[in-house]
Amino acid sequence: MSPQTQKAVRFLQSWVINTAAVLVAAAILHNHITYEDKLENLLIASLLLGILNAFVRPILMLIALPLLIFTLGLFTLVINALLLYFVGQLLDPRFHVDRFRYAIVGALIISVISIALNVLTGNARVSVQRRPPPGPPKNPGGGDGPVIDV
């Protein structure tokens, strides 16, 4: 596959994962995060949320860096909730978030579902690799080791 095709596939996969996560959040908080009956409204909302996460979120993270450090990164949840609430305000008749506290709960649900689905699909940004334990020294007592002058 060409690099362009790989980027397109990764984008579509990420979009589907975001849409599924927003769908789960809307199902759990069905009276507080709502969308009109059509699936296209949910697709538009998740696409807009993805665009805001790609372009606006890094700026907000930089501005809120002291708060992020002070709260050990927990303020990221507030930034995610702000973006979700903003999407709800932009797409109000088609996608709606009642209050900011429901945006916080929705952002938490979306984060957990997105992380789980990204790990399951192999689309995760972080990977853990284990190294084999180090073996015994190659030449114990030989002349190839470090020299310590006393």
N, C-alpha and C. Protein backbone atom coordinates (compact mmCIF):
# COMPACT_ATOMS: atom_id res chain seq x y z
N MET A 1 0.83 -1.18 0.00
CA MET A 1 0.00 0.00 0.00
C MET A 1 0.88 1.25 0.00
N SER A 2 0.44 2.24 -0.71
CA SER A 2 1.20 3.49 -0.74
C SER A 2 0.98 4.25 0.57
N PRO A 3 1.90 5.16 0.91
CA PRO A 3 1.72 5.94 2.15
C PRO A 3 0.44 6.77 2.15
N GLN A 4 0.04 7.27 1.00
CA GLN A 4 -1.21 8.04 0.92
C GLN A 4 -2.40 7.16 1.24
N THR A 5 -2.40 5.95 0.73
CA THR A 5 -3.50 5.03 0.99
C THR A 5 -3.52 4.62 2.46
N GLN A 6 -2.35 4.41 3.04
CA GLN A 6 -2.29 4.06 4.45
C GLN A 6 -2.83 5.18 5.33
N LYS A 7 -2.51 6.43 4.99
CA LYS A 7 -3.03 7.57 5.75
C LYS A 7 -4.54 7.66 5.63
N ALA A 8 -5.07 7.41 4.42
CA ALA A 8 -6.52 7.46 4.22
C ALA A 8 -7.22 6.36 5.00
N VAL A 9 -6.64 5.16 5.00
CA VAL A 9 -7.24 4.05 5.74
C VAL A 9 -7.20 4.32 7.24
N ARG A 10 -6.07 4.86 7.73
CA ARG A 10 -5.95 5.17 9.16
C ARG A 10 -6.95 6.27 9.55
N PHE A 11 -7.14 7.28 8.67
CA PHE A 11 -8.11 8.34 8.95
C PHE A 11 -9.52 7.77 9.02
N LEU A 12 -9.90 6.93 8.05
CA LEU A 12 -11.24 6.34 8.05
C LEU A 12 -11.45 5.44 9.26
N GLN A 13 -10.43 4.70 9.62
CA GLN A 13 -10.52 3.83 10.80
C GLN A 13 -10.70 4.66 12.07
N SER A 14 -9.96 5.74 12.17
CA SER A 14 -10.08 6.63 13.33
C SER A 14 -11.46 7.28 13.37
N TRP A 15 -11.98 7.65 12.23
CA TRP A 15 -13.30 8.28 12.15
C TRP A 15 -14.39 7.30 12.58
N VAL A 16 -14.29 6.06 12.13
CA VAL A 16 -15.27 5.03 12.51
C VAL A 16 -15.21 4.78 14.02
N ILE A 17 -13.99 4.73 14.57
CA ILE A 17 -13.83 4.51 16.01
C ILE A 17 -14.42 5.68 16.78
N ASN A 18 -14.16 6.91 16.34
CA ASN A 18 -14.74 8.09 17.01
C ASN A 18 -16.26 8.07 16.93
N THR A 19 -16.78 7.69 15.77
CA THR A 19 -18.23 7.64 15.61
C THR A 19 -18.84 6.59 16.55
N ALA A 20 -18.19 5.44 16.65
CA ALA A 20 -18.69 4.41 17.56
C ALA A 20 -18.64 4.88 19.00
N ALA A 21 -17.56 5.58 19.37
CA ALA A 21 -17.44 6.08 20.74
C ALA A 21 -18.50 7.13 21.04
N VAL A 22 -18.76 8.03 20.10
CA VAL A 22 -19.80 9.04 20.31
C VAL A 22 -21.18 8.38 20.36
N LEU A 23 -21.38 7.34 19.55
CA LEU A 23 -22.64 6.61 19.58
C LEU A 23 -22.86 5.95 20.94
N VAL A 24 -21.83 5.36 21.50
CA VAL A 24 -21.95 4.73 22.82
C VAL A 24 -22.24 5.78 23.89
N ALA A 25 -21.54 6.92 23.81
CA ALA A 25 -21.79 8.00 24.78
C ALA A 25 -23.21 8.52 24.66
N ALA A 26 -23.69 8.67 23.43
CA ALA A 26 -25.07 9.13 23.23
C ALA A 26 -26.07 8.09 23.70
N ALA A 27 -25.74 6.81 23.59
CA ALA A 27 -26.65 5.76 24.06
C ALA A 27 -26.68 5.71 25.59
N ILE A 28 -25.53 5.89 26.21
CA ILE A 28 -25.50 5.85 27.67
C ILE A 28 -26.17 7.08 28.27
N LEU A 29 -25.88 8.24 27.69
CA LEU A 29 -26.48 9.50 28.17
C LEU A 29 -27.59 9.93 27.22
N HIS A 30 -28.50 9.03 26.92
CA HIS A 30 -29.49 9.24 25.86
C HIS A 30 -30.39 10.45 26.08
N ASN A 31 -30.61 10.88 27.27
CA ASN A 31 -31.45 12.07 27.48
C ASN A 31 -30.64 13.36 27.47
N HIS A 32 -29.31 13.27 27.47
CA HIS A 32 -28.49 14.46 27.63
C HIS A 32 -27.56 14.71 26.45
N ILE A 33 -27.15 13.69 25.75
CA ILE A 33 -26.42 13.83 24.49
C ILE A 33 -27.31 13.18 23.44
N THR A 34 -27.86 14.01 22.57
CA THR A 34 -28.83 13.51 21.60
C THR A 34 -28.42 13.90 20.18
N TYR A 35 -28.89 13.12 19.24
CA TYR A 35 -28.73 13.44 17.83
C TYR A 35 -30.01 13.03 17.12
N GLU A 36 -30.26 13.68 15.99
CA GLU A 36 -31.46 13.32 15.24
C GLU A 36 -31.31 11.90 14.71
N ASP A 37 -32.40 11.32 14.30
CA ASP A 37 -32.46 9.90 13.98
C ASP A 37 -31.48 9.44 12.91
N LYS A 38 -31.04 10.32 12.05
CA LYS A 38 -30.18 9.90 10.96
C LYS A 38 -28.74 9.68 11.43
N LEU A 39 -28.13 8.66 10.88
CA LEU A 39 -26.74 8.34 11.22
C LEU A 39 -25.78 9.41 10.69
N GLU A 40 -26.18 10.09 9.62
CA GLU A 40 -25.30 11.11 9.05
C GLU A 40 -25.04 12.25 10.04
N ASN A 41 -25.98 12.56 10.90
CA ASN A 41 -25.76 13.60 11.90
C ASN A 41 -24.68 13.19 12.90
N LEU A 42 -24.68 11.92 13.26
CA LEU A 42 -23.65 11.41 14.15
C LEU A 42 -22.28 11.38 13.46
N LEU A 43 -22.27 11.04 12.17
CA LEU A 43 -21.03 11.05 11.40
C LEU A 43 -20.46 12.45 11.29
N ILE A 44 -21.32 13.44 11.06
CA ILE A 44 -20.87 14.83 10.96
C ILE A 44 -20.33 15.31 12.31
N ALA A 45 -21.03 14.96 13.38
CA ALA A 45 -20.58 15.37 14.71
C ALA A 45 -19.23 14.75 15.05
N SER A 46 -19.04 13.48 14.75
CA SER A 46 -17.76 12.84 15.07
C SER A 46 -16.65 13.36 14.15
N LEU A 47 -16.97 13.69 12.91
CA LEU A 47 -15.97 14.28 12.02
C LEU A 47 -15.54 15.65 12.52
N LEU A 48 -16.50 16.47 12.92
CA LEU A 48 -16.18 17.79 13.45
C LEU A 48 -15.40 17.67 14.76
N LEU A 49 -15.76 16.72 15.59
CA LEU A 49 -15.01 16.50 16.83
C LEU A 49 -13.57 16.07 16.53
N GLY A 50 -13.40 15.23 15.52
CA GLY A 50 -12.06 14.82 15.12
C GLY A 50 -11.23 15.96 14.57
N ILE A 51 -11.86 16.84 13.78
CA ILE A 51 -11.15 18.00 13.24
C ILE A 51 -10.75 18.95 14.36
N LEU A 52 -11.66 19.19 15.30
CA LEU A 52 -11.33 20.06 16.43
C LEU A 52 -10.24 19.44 17.30
N ASN A 53 -10.27 18.11 17.46
CA ASN A 53 -9.22 17.44 18.23
C ASN A 53 -7.87 17.55 17.54
N ALA A 54 -7.88 17.58 16.22
CA ALA A 54 -6.62 17.65 15.48
C ALA A 54 -6.03 19.05 15.47
N PHE A 55 -6.87 20.08 15.40
CA PHE A 55 -6.35 21.44 15.22
C PHE A 55 -6.49 22.34 16.44
N VAL A 56 -7.60 22.28 17.14
CA VAL A 56 -7.84 23.19 18.27
C VAL A 56 -7.30 22.62 19.57
N ARG A 57 -7.40 21.32 19.75
CA ARG A 57 -6.98 20.70 21.00
C ARG A 57 -5.50 20.95 21.33
N PRO A 58 -4.56 20.86 20.36
CA PRO A 58 -3.17 21.16 20.72
C PRO A 58 -2.96 22.60 21.20
N ILE A 59 -3.70 23.53 20.63
CA ILE A 59 -3.60 24.92 21.06
C ILE A 59 -4.13 25.07 22.48
N LEU A 60 -5.26 24.44 22.77
CA LEU A 60 -5.82 24.49 24.11
C LEU A 60 -4.90 23.80 25.12
N MET A 61 -4.25 22.73 24.70
CA MET A 61 -3.32 22.03 25.60
C MET A 61 -2.12 22.92 25.91
N LEU A 62 -1.66 23.65 24.93
CA LEU A 62 -0.52 24.54 25.16
C LEU A 62 -0.90 25.69 26.08
N ILE A 63 -2.08 26.24 25.87
CA ILE A 63 -2.54 27.34 26.73
C ILE A 63 -2.75 26.85 28.17
N ALA A 64 -3.28 25.66 28.31
CA ALA A 64 -3.59 25.12 29.64
C ALA A 64 -2.46 24.29 30.22
N LEU A 65 -1.25 24.43 29.70
CA LEU A 65 -0.14 23.61 30.16
C LEU A 65 0.11 23.68 31.67
N PRO A 66 0.05 24.88 32.29
CA PRO A 66 0.23 24.89 33.75
C PRO A 66 -0.84 24.08 34.49
N LEU A 67 -2.08 24.18 34.04
CA LEU A 67 -3.15 23.39 34.68
C LEU A 67 -2.97 21.90 34.43
N LEU A 68 -2.51 21.55 33.23
CA LEU A 68 -2.27 20.14 32.94
C LEU A 68 -1.17 19.58 33.83
N ILE A 69 -0.14 20.35 34.05
CA ILE A 69 0.94 19.89 34.93
C ILE A 69 0.45 19.80 36.36
N PHE A 70 -0.26 20.82 36.81
CA PHE A 70 -0.75 20.84 38.20
C PHE A 70 -1.72 19.70 38.48
N THR A 71 -2.58 19.36 37.51
CA THR A 71 -3.57 18.30 37.73
C THR A 71 -3.09 16.94 37.23
N LEU A 72 -1.81 16.86 36.86
CA LEU A 72 -1.21 15.62 36.36
C LEU A 72 -1.95 15.08 35.14
N GLY A 73 -2.40 15.98 34.27
CA GLY A 73 -3.02 15.60 33.02
C GLY A 73 -4.52 15.42 33.07
N LEU A 74 -5.13 15.51 34.25
CA LEU A 74 -6.58 15.32 34.35
C LEU A 74 -7.36 16.46 33.71
N PHE A 75 -6.73 17.62 33.53
CA PHE A 75 -7.41 18.73 32.89
C PHE A 75 -7.68 18.44 31.41
N THR A 76 -7.01 17.42 30.87
CA THR A 76 -7.29 17.01 29.49
C THR A 76 -8.75 16.61 29.33
N LEU A 77 -9.32 16.03 30.36
CA LEU A 77 -10.73 15.66 30.31
C LEU A 77 -11.62 16.89 30.16
N VAL A 78 -11.26 17.97 30.82
CA VAL A 78 -12.02 19.22 30.70
C VAL A 78 -11.89 19.78 29.29
N ILE A 79 -10.71 19.69 28.70
CA ILE A 79 -10.51 20.17 27.33
C ILE A 79 -11.34 19.33 26.36
N ASN A 80 -11.33 18.02 26.54
CA ASN A 80 -12.16 17.16 25.69
C ASN A 80 -13.64 17.47 25.86
N ALA A 81 -14.06 17.74 27.09
CA ALA A 81 -15.47 18.09 27.34
C ALA A 81 -15.81 19.43 26.68
N LEU A 82 -14.90 20.39 26.73
CA LEU A 82 -15.14 21.67 26.06
C LEU A 82 -15.35 21.49 24.56
N LEU A 83 -14.53 20.65 23.96
CA LEU A 83 -14.67 20.41 22.52
C LEU A 83 -15.97 19.69 22.20
N LEU A 84 -16.36 18.72 23.02
CA LEU A 84 -17.63 18.02 22.81
C LEU A 84 -18.80 18.97 22.98
N TYR A 85 -18.75 19.80 23.99
CA TYR A 85 -19.82 20.77 24.22
C TYR A 85 -19.89 21.78 23.07
N PHE A 86 -18.73 22.19 22.56
CA PHE A 86 -18.68 23.12 21.44
C PHE A 86 -19.28 22.51 20.18
N VAL A 87 -19.01 21.23 19.94
CA VAL A 87 -19.62 20.54 18.80
C VAL A 87 -21.13 20.50 18.96
N GLY A 88 -21.59 20.27 20.19
CA GLY A 88 -23.02 20.27 20.46
C GLY A 88 -23.66 21.63 20.22
N GLN A 89 -22.91 22.71 20.50
CA GLN A 89 -23.43 24.05 20.26
C GLN A 89 -23.43 24.38 18.77
N LEU A 90 -22.43 23.93 18.04
CA LEU A 90 -22.36 24.21 16.60
C LEU A 90 -23.43 23.46 15.82
N LEU A 91 -23.70 22.24 16.19
CA LEU A 91 -24.66 21.39 15.47
C LEU A 91 -25.95 21.22 16.25
N ASP A 92 -26.40 22.28 16.92
CA ASP A 92 -27.45 22.19 17.92
C ASP A 92 -28.71 21.44 17.50
N PRO A 93 -29.33 21.71 16.40
CA PRO A 93 -30.55 20.92 16.18
C PRO A 93 -30.26 19.45 15.85
N ARG A 94 -29.11 19.18 15.23
CA ARG A 94 -28.82 17.81 14.80
C ARG A 94 -28.06 17.00 15.84
N PHE A 95 -27.22 17.66 16.64
CA PHE A 95 -26.45 17.00 17.70
C PHE A 95 -26.43 17.96 18.87
N HIS A 96 -26.81 17.49 20.04
CA HIS A 96 -26.99 18.40 21.17
C HIS A 96 -26.44 17.79 22.46
N VAL A 97 -25.73 18.62 23.22
CA VAL A 97 -25.25 18.24 24.55
C VAL A 97 -25.92 19.19 25.53
N ASP A 98 -26.66 18.64 26.50
CA ASP A 98 -27.46 19.46 27.40
C ASP A 98 -26.63 20.44 28.22
N ARG A 99 -25.76 19.94 29.04
CA ARG A 99 -24.99 20.78 29.95
C ARG A 99 -23.54 20.35 29.92
N PHE A 100 -22.70 21.20 30.50
CA PHE A 100 -21.27 20.93 30.50
C PHE A 100 -20.93 19.68 31.32
N ARG A 101 -21.66 19.44 32.38
CA ARG A 101 -21.35 18.25 33.19
C ARG A 101 -21.61 16.97 32.41
N TYR A 102 -22.60 16.98 31.53
CA TYR A 102 -22.84 15.82 30.67
C TYR A 102 -21.78 15.72 29.59
N ALA A 103 -21.23 16.85 29.20
CA ALA A 103 -20.12 16.84 28.26
C ALA A 103 -18.89 16.20 28.90
N ILE A 104 -18.68 16.45 30.20
CA ILE A 104 -17.55 15.83 30.90
C ILE A 104 -17.73 14.31 30.96
N VAL A 105 -18.92 13.86 31.32
CA VAL A 105 -19.18 12.42 31.38
C VAL A 105 -19.08 11.81 29.98
N GLY A 106 -19.64 12.52 29.00
CA GLY A 106 -19.55 12.04 27.61
C GLY A 106 -18.12 11.98 27.12
N ALA A 107 -17.31 12.97 27.45
CA ALA A 107 -15.90 12.97 27.05
C ALA A 107 -15.16 11.82 27.70
N LEU A 108 -15.49 11.51 28.95
CA LEU A 108 -14.87 10.37 29.62
C LEU A 108 -15.24 9.06 28.94
N ILE A 109 -16.51 8.91 28.60
CA ILE A 109 -16.96 7.70 27.91
C ILE A 109 -16.30 7.58 26.54
N ILE A 110 -16.26 8.68 25.80
CA ILE A 110 -15.66 8.68 24.46
C ILE A 110 -14.17 8.34 24.56
N SER A 111 -13.48 8.87 25.55
CA SER A 111 -12.06 8.58 25.71
C SER A 111 -11.81 7.11 26.00
N VAL A 112 -12.58 6.55 26.91
CA VAL A 112 -12.39 5.14 27.27
C VAL A 112 -12.70 4.22 26.09
N ILE A 113 -13.80 4.47 25.40
CA ILE A 113 -14.18 3.64 24.25
C ILE A 113 -13.16 3.80 23.13
N SER A 114 -12.70 5.01 22.87
CA SER A 114 -11.73 5.24 21.80
C SER A 114 -10.41 4.54 22.09
N ILE A 115 -9.95 4.64 23.32
CA ILE A 115 -8.70 3.96 23.68
C ILE A 115 -8.84 2.45 23.51
N ALA A 116 -9.94 1.91 24.00
CA ALA A 116 -10.15 0.46 23.90
C ALA A 116 -10.22 0.00 22.44
N LEU A 117 -10.97 0.72 21.62
CA LEU A 117 -11.09 0.32 20.21
C LEU A 117 -9.80 0.54 19.44
N ASN A 118 -9.05 1.59 19.76
CA ASN A 118 -7.76 1.81 19.09
C ASN A 118 -6.76 0.72 19.45
N VAL A 119 -6.77 0.27 20.69
CA VAL A 119 -5.87 -0.81 21.08
C VAL A 119 -6.29 -2.12 20.41
N LEU A 120 -7.60 -2.39 20.36
CA LEU A 120 -8.08 -3.63 19.74
C LEU A 120 -7.80 -3.68 18.24
N THR A 121 -7.89 -2.54 17.57
CA THR A 121 -7.68 -2.52 16.12
C THR A 121 -6.22 -2.30 15.73
N GLY A 122 -5.37 -2.04 16.70
CA GLY A 122 -3.96 -1.80 16.38
C GLY A 122 -3.70 -0.39 15.88
N ASN A 123 -4.64 0.50 16.09
CA ASN A 123 -4.52 1.88 15.63
C ASN A 123 -3.98 2.78 16.74
N ALA A 124 -3.51 2.18 17.83
CA ALA A 124 -3.04 2.96 18.98
C ALA A 124 -1.73 3.64 18.66
N ARG A 125 -1.54 4.81 19.24
CA ARG A 125 -0.30 5.57 19.03
C ARG A 125 0.82 5.05 19.91
N VAL A 126 0.47 4.45 21.03
CA VAL A 126 1.46 3.98 21.98
C VAL A 126 1.53 2.47 21.89
N SER A 127 2.74 1.96 21.78
CA SER A 127 2.91 0.51 21.78
C SER A 127 3.95 0.15 22.83
N VAL A 128 3.77 -0.99 23.42
CA VAL A 128 4.68 -1.47 24.45
C VAL A 128 5.48 -2.62 23.86
N GLN A 129 6.80 -2.50 23.93
CA GLN A 129 7.66 -3.56 23.45
C GLN A 129 8.55 -4.01 24.59
N ARG A 130 8.66 -5.28 24.75
CA ARG A 130 9.48 -5.82 25.82
C ARG A 130 10.81 -6.26 25.23
N ARG A 131 11.85 -5.91 25.92
CA ARG A 131 13.18 -6.35 25.51
C ARG A 131 13.53 -7.62 26.26
N PRO A 132 14.34 -8.47 25.64
CA PRO A 132 14.78 -9.66 26.38
C PRO A 132 15.73 -9.24 27.49
N PRO A 133 15.79 -9.99 28.56
CA PRO A 133 16.70 -9.62 29.65
C PRO A 133 18.15 -9.70 29.17
N PRO A 134 18.99 -8.84 29.74
CA PRO A 134 20.38 -8.86 29.29
C PRO A 134 21.06 -10.17 29.68
N GLY A 135 21.91 -10.62 28.80
CA GLY A 135 22.62 -11.87 29.04
C GLY A 135 23.84 -11.63 29.92
N PRO A 136 24.57 -12.69 30.21
CA PRO A 136 25.79 -12.55 31.03
C PRO A 136 26.84 -11.77 30.25
N PRO A 137 27.83 -11.20 30.96
CA PRO A 137 28.89 -10.46 30.26
C PRO A 137 29.61 -11.37 29.27
N LYS A 138 30.05 -10.78 28.18
CA LYS A 138 30.65 -11.58 27.11
C LYS A 138 32.00 -12.19 27.52
N ASN A 139 32.81 -11.41 28.18
CA ASN A 139 34.13 -11.91 28.54
C ASN A 139 34.45 -11.51 29.98
N PRO A 140 33.90 -12.23 30.97
CA PRO A 140 34.17 -11.85 32.35
C PRO A 140 35.64 -12.03 32.70
N GLY A 141 36.22 -10.99 33.29
CA GLY A 141 37.62 -11.03 33.71
C GLY A 141 38.59 -10.80 32.58
N GLY A 142 38.11 -10.63 31.37
CA GLY A 142 38.98 -10.41 30.22
C GLY A 142 39.40 -8.97 30.11
N GLY A 143 40.09 -8.61 29.06
CA GLY A 143 40.62 -7.28 28.88
C GLY A 143 39.72 -6.35 28.10
N ASP A 144 38.49 -6.75 27.76
CA ASP A 144 37.64 -5.90 26.96
C ASP A 144 36.69 -5.02 27.76
N GLY A 145 36.67 -5.16 29.06
CA GLY A 145 35.73 -4.40 29.89
C GLY A 145 36.24 -3.01 30.21
N PRO A 146 35.47 -2.25 30.99
CA PRO A 146 35.89 -0.90 31.34
C PRO A 146 37.09 -0.94 32.29
N VAL A 147 37.93 0.08 32.18
CA VAL A 147 39.13 0.16 33.00
C VAL A 147 38.88 1.19 34.10
N ILE A 148 39.16 0.80 35.32
CA ILE A 148 39.02 1.71 36.45
C ILE A 148 40.39 1.96 37.03
N ASP A 149 40.86 3.18 36.95
CA ASP A 149 42.17 3.54 37.52
C ASP A 149 41.96 4.02 38.94
N VAL A 150 42.76 3.47 39.86
CA VAL A 150 42.65 3.86 41.27
C VAL A 150 43.91 4.59 41.68
